[in-house]
């Protein structure tokens, strides 16, 4: 556990250091600003509907994937390209523990940004309409999709220095384009994992989120299971890659 925390702590410092945290913080404020400006004269019902129309979509289609992509790809990929990965794997630490610590740190770093983004935007609903019940589901949903994204982008970052470019292609062409045009492909979309959890916890949102969900069935339990399975597979794959590196 001490080794896990040590690796995770150093990784967190690397991921959230410098001007990166400020840039991500400004991006995270976007959904709440949009929510605040568009609900000044709206009725209570309209406030909730507008939250599902714009801020929630901004969180899951822009803020979450961009932050997850950059942090996930950097968590292990930067170590390899900077030449510091060799020093890490020379330590007498199980390779799966290193992979888990890297993934866990990137997930925490991402959740530190997207969690408040979801909380602030849904908090505007509470201020405008007195309904604070959306905050918990929104934060949980964002954290689940963050785990799925981080797991995939951690591996992508290990394999290529163009991980961010490839990730942006996946996010903005595949997820935000093709899977909306072909609803049957929605099951291979990572942001829909969290969105399905939110829809399961907030059933009244399903009428508005039906198009975004596509063929994905709402449900928090299923969404959590998917995210955890993806994370376990990613840790196992990353550990295998690190063990192979030992032999090179």
Protein backbone atom coordinates (compact mmCIF):
# COMPACT_ATOMS: atom_id res chain seq x y z
CA UNK A 1 0.00 0.00 0.00
CA UNK A 2 2.89 2.37 0.75
CA UNK A 3 4.33 1.85 -2.74
CA UNK A 4 0.90 2.36 -4.31
CA UNK A 5 0.40 5.66 -2.49
CA UNK A 6 3.91 6.83 -3.31
CA UNK A 7 3.47 6.23 -7.05
CA UNK A 8 -0.03 7.72 -7.01
CA UNK A 9 1.10 10.82 -5.10
CA UNK A 10 3.97 11.56 -7.49
CA UNK A 11 1.70 10.98 -10.49
CA UNK A 12 -0.95 13.33 -9.11
CA UNK A 13 1.66 16.03 -8.65
CA UNK A 14 2.84 15.56 -12.23
CA UNK A 15 -0.65 15.57 -13.72
CA UNK A 16 -2.00 18.62 -11.92
CA UNK A 17 1.14 20.70 -11.83
CA UNK A 18 1.88 23.96 -13.63
CA UNK A 19 -0.73 25.82 -15.66
CA UNK A 20 -2.63 22.68 -16.56
CA UNK A 21 -4.85 22.80 -13.47
CA UNK A 22 -5.79 26.44 -14.17
CA UNK A 23 -6.75 25.64 -17.76
CA UNK A 24 -8.81 22.65 -16.71
CA UNK A 25 -10.46 24.70 -13.97
CA UNK A 26 -11.61 27.32 -16.47
CA UNK A 27 -12.95 24.59 -18.75
CA UNK A 28 -14.79 23.02 -15.81
CA UNK A 29 -16.56 26.32 -15.10
CA UNK A 30 -18.12 26.43 -18.57
CA UNK A 31 -21.19 24.24 -17.85
CA UNK A 32 -22.16 26.21 -14.73
CA UNK A 33 -21.71 29.55 -16.51
CA UNK A 34 -23.93 28.37 -19.35
CA UNK A 35 -26.47 27.09 -16.83
CA UNK A 36 -26.46 30.34 -14.87
CA UNK A 37 -26.87 32.58 -17.91
CA UNK A 38 -29.64 30.55 -19.56
CA UNK A 39 -31.93 30.13 -16.54
CA UNK A 40 -32.34 33.67 -15.21
CA UNK A 41 -36.06 33.89 -15.95
CA UNK A 42 -36.88 30.19 -16.37
CA UNK A 43 -39.50 28.35 -14.38
CA UNK A 44 -38.47 25.56 -12.00
CA UNK A 45 -39.34 22.88 -14.55
CA UNK A 46 -37.55 24.70 -17.34
CA UNK A 47 -34.41 25.01 -15.20
CA UNK A 48 -34.19 21.24 -14.82
CA UNK A 49 -34.88 20.70 -18.52
CA UNK A 50 -32.19 23.17 -19.54
CA UNK A 51 -29.70 21.43 -17.29
CA UNK A 52 -30.30 18.22 -19.24
CA UNK A 53 -30.26 20.06 -22.59
CA UNK A 54 -26.97 21.94 -22.34
CA UNK A 55 -24.75 21.83 -19.21
CA UNK A 56 -24.98 18.05 -18.75
CA UNK A 57 -24.17 17.54 -22.42
CA UNK A 58 -21.21 19.94 -22.20
CA UNK A 59 -19.84 18.00 -19.23
CA UNK A 60 -20.09 14.59 -20.91
CA UNK A 61 -19.23 15.55 -24.48
CA UNK A 62 -16.53 18.18 -23.95
CA UNK A 63 -15.18 18.66 -20.41
CA UNK A 64 -15.00 15.01 -19.37
CA UNK A 65 -13.41 13.50 -22.50
CA UNK A 66 -10.89 16.32 -22.98
CA UNK A 67 -9.67 16.25 -19.38
CA UNK A 68 -9.65 12.45 -19.27
CA UNK A 69 -7.78 12.23 -22.55
CA UNK A 70 -4.96 14.56 -21.56
CA UNK A 71 -4.51 13.22 -18.04
CA UNK A 72 -4.98 9.56 -18.95
CA UNK A 73 -2.57 9.67 -21.85
CA UNK A 74 0.01 11.52 -19.74
CA UNK A 75 -0.10 9.30 -16.66
CA UNK A 76 1.97 6.45 -18.14
CA UNK A 77 2.91 7.76 -21.58
CA UNK A 78 4.92 10.72 -20.29
CA UNK A 79 6.97 8.41 -18.08
CA UNK A 80 7.88 6.27 -21.07
CA UNK A 81 8.76 9.15 -23.40
CA UNK A 82 10.70 11.07 -20.75
CA UNK A 83 12.80 8.00 -20.00
CA UNK A 84 11.74 7.82 -16.34
CA UNK A 85 9.66 4.66 -16.66
CA UNK A 86 12.78 2.48 -16.40
CA UNK A 87 13.57 3.91 -12.97
CA UNK A 88 10.05 3.13 -11.84
CA UNK A 89 9.92 -0.48 -12.96
CA UNK A 90 13.35 -1.23 -11.48
CA UNK A 91 11.78 -0.97 -8.06
CA UNK A 92 10.74 -4.25 -6.39
CA UNK A 93 7.05 -3.47 -6.86
CA UNK A 94 4.46 -5.65 -8.63
CA UNK A 95 3.77 -4.33 -12.12
CA UNK A 96 0.02 -4.45 -11.60
CA UNK A 97 0.43 -2.17 -8.58
CA UNK A 98 2.30 0.42 -10.66
CA UNK A 99 -0.40 0.26 -13.34
CA UNK A 100 -3.17 0.52 -10.76
CA UNK A 101 -1.49 3.47 -9.04
CA UNK A 102 -1.08 5.30 -12.36
CA UNK A 103 -4.69 4.66 -13.32
CA UNK A 104 -5.98 5.56 -9.87
CA UNK A 105 -4.03 8.81 -9.77
CA UNK A 106 -5.25 9.84 -13.23
CA UNK A 107 -8.83 8.99 -12.23
CA UNK A 108 -8.60 11.03 -9.03
CA UNK A 109 -7.06 13.96 -10.92
CA UNK A 110 -9.82 13.84 -13.51
CA UNK A 111 -12.57 13.51 -10.90
CA UNK A 112 -11.13 16.47 -8.99
CA UNK A 113 -11.91 18.53 -12.09
CA UNK A 114 -15.06 17.01 -13.59
CA UNK A 115 -16.71 16.29 -10.23
CA UNK A 116 -16.86 19.98 -9.25
CA UNK A 117 -17.90 20.84 -12.82
CA UNK A 118 -20.93 18.57 -12.45
CA UNK A 119 -21.59 19.76 -8.89
CA UNK A 120 -21.49 23.44 -9.80
CA UNK A 121 -23.74 23.08 -12.82
CA UNK A 122 -26.30 21.00 -10.92
CA UNK A 123 -25.91 23.40 -8.00
CA UNK A 124 -27.32 26.15 -10.20
CA UNK A 125 -30.44 23.99 -10.50
CA UNK A 126 -30.62 23.95 -6.72
CA UNK A 127 -30.25 27.72 -6.50
CA UNK A 128 -32.75 28.45 -9.27
CA UNK A 129 -35.35 25.72 -8.68
CA UNK A 130 -34.62 24.44 -5.18
CA UNK A 131 -33.89 20.95 -6.50
CA UNK A 132 -30.57 19.65 -5.18
CA UNK A 133 -31.27 16.01 -5.98
CA UNK A 134 -29.39 16.11 -9.29
CA UNK A 135 -26.00 16.88 -7.77
CA UNK A 136 -25.14 13.41 -6.44
CA UNK A 137 -26.13 11.52 -9.61
CA UNK A 138 -24.30 14.03 -11.82
CA UNK A 139 -21.04 13.75 -9.86
CA UNK A 140 -21.26 9.94 -9.68
CA UNK A 141 -22.02 9.67 -13.39
CA UNK A 142 -19.09 11.90 -14.31
CA UNK A 143 -16.71 9.86 -12.15
CA UNK A 144 -17.82 6.58 -13.75
CA UNK A 145 -17.25 7.81 -17.30
CA UNK A 146 -13.96 9.32 -16.15
CA UNK A 147 -12.81 5.87 -14.96
CA UNK A 148 -13.68 4.32 -18.32
CA UNK A 149 -11.98 7.08 -20.31
CA UNK A 150 -8.86 7.05 -18.16
CA UNK A 151 -8.51 3.28 -18.51
CA UNK A 152 -8.56 3.43 -22.31
CA UNK A 153 -6.45 6.56 -22.70
CA UNK A 154 -3.79 5.31 -20.24
CA UNK A 155 -3.05 2.42 -22.62
CA UNK A 156 -3.26 4.64 -25.68
CA UNK A 157 -0.76 7.05 -24.14
CA UNK A 158 1.68 4.21 -23.51
CA UNK A 159 1.66 3.11 -27.15
CA UNK A 160 1.92 6.40 -28.99
CA UNK A 161 3.00 10.01 -28.56
CA UNK A 162 -0.01 10.96 -30.71
CA UNK A 163 -2.46 9.71 -28.12
CA UNK A 164 -4.12 13.10 -27.66
CA UNK A 165 -4.70 13.50 -31.41
CA UNK A 166 -6.05 9.96 -31.77
CA UNK A 167 -8.19 10.44 -28.68
CA UNK A 168 -9.69 13.63 -30.06
CA UNK A 169 -10.56 11.80 -33.27
CA UNK A 170 -12.28 9.10 -31.21
CA UNK A 171 -14.16 11.60 -29.04
CA UNK A 172 -15.32 14.13 -31.59
CA UNK A 173 -15.75 11.96 -34.68
CA UNK A 174 -16.69 8.55 -33.31
CA UNK A 175 -18.49 9.35 -30.06
CA UNK A 176 -19.98 12.75 -30.90
CA UNK A 177 -20.71 11.92 -34.51
CA UNK A 178 -20.94 8.34 -35.67
CA UNK A 179 -22.53 6.85 -32.55
CA UNK A 180 -25.24 9.52 -32.63
CA UNK A 181 -25.98 8.72 -36.27
CA UNK A 182 -26.02 4.96 -35.62
CA UNK A 183 -27.74 4.32 -32.29
CA UNK A 184 -26.77 0.63 -32.31
CA UNK A 185 -23.12 1.66 -31.82
CA UNK A 186 -23.85 3.53 -28.60
CA UNK A 187 -22.71 0.58 -26.49
CA UNK A 188 -19.08 1.22 -27.46
CA UNK A 189 -19.24 4.85 -26.32
CA UNK A 190 -17.51 5.66 -23.02
CA UNK A 191 -19.37 8.82 -22.07
CA UNK A 192 -22.65 6.90 -22.23
CA UNK A 193 -21.51 4.71 -19.34
CA UNK A 194 -21.83 7.64 -16.95
CA UNK A 195 -24.83 9.09 -18.75
CA UNK A 196 -26.71 5.80 -18.39
CA UNK A 197 -25.95 5.84 -14.65
CA UNK A 198 -27.35 9.36 -14.39
CA UNK A 199 -30.48 8.41 -16.35
CA UNK A 200 -30.97 5.40 -14.08
CA UNK A 201 -30.71 7.55 -10.94
CA UNK A 202 -32.82 10.38 -12.38
CA UNK A 203 -35.60 8.57 -14.31
CA UNK A 204 -37.36 11.79 -15.30
CA UNK A 205 -34.32 12.73 -17.41
CA UNK A 206 -34.71 9.73 -19.72
CA UNK A 207 -37.15 11.45 -22.05
CA UNK A 208 -34.57 14.16 -22.76
CA UNK A 209 -31.51 11.92 -22.77
CA UNK A 210 -33.01 9.15 -24.88
CA UNK A 211 -31.34 10.28 -28.12
CA UNK A 212 -27.95 10.66 -26.45
CA UNK A 213 -28.21 7.23 -24.80
CA UNK A 214 -29.09 5.48 -28.04
CA UNK A 215 -29.32 1.74 -27.44
CA UNK A 216 -27.76 1.93 -23.96
CA UNK A 217 -30.09 0.90 -21.14
CA UNK A 218 -30.19 3.31 -18.17
CA UNK A 219 -28.92 1.91 -14.89
CA UNK A 220 -26.32 2.87 -12.31
CA UNK A 221 -25.39 -0.70 -11.39
CA UNK A 222 -24.69 -1.75 -14.96
CA UNK A 223 -22.73 1.44 -15.62
CA UNK A 224 -20.55 0.91 -12.54
CA UNK A 225 -19.91 -2.72 -13.54
CA UNK A 226 -18.84 -1.67 -17.05
CA UNK A 227 -16.46 1.01 -15.76
CA UNK A 228 -14.88 -1.36 -13.23
CA UNK A 229 -14.42 -4.15 -15.78
CA UNK A 230 -12.76 -1.73 -18.23
CA UNK A 231 -10.46 -0.50 -15.46
CA UNK A 232 -9.47 -4.04 -14.41
CA UNK A 233 -8.74 -5.01 -18.01
CA UNK A 234 -6.67 -1.84 -18.48
CA UNK A 235 -4.62 -2.52 -15.33
CA UNK A 236 -3.99 -6.10 -16.41
CA UNK A 237 -2.95 -5.00 -19.91
CA UNK A 238 -0.68 -2.23 -18.59
CA UNK A 239 0.92 -4.63 -16.09
CA UNK A 240 1.64 -7.07 -18.91
CA UNK A 241 3.25 -4.31 -20.96
CA UNK A 242 5.43 -3.30 -18.02
CA UNK A 243 6.52 -6.89 -17.41
CA UNK A 244 7.49 -7.22 -21.08
CA UNK A 245 9.51 -4.03 -20.76
CA UNK A 246 11.47 -5.68 -17.93
CA UNK A 247 12.67 -8.29 -20.43
CA UNK A 248 13.83 -5.82 -23.09
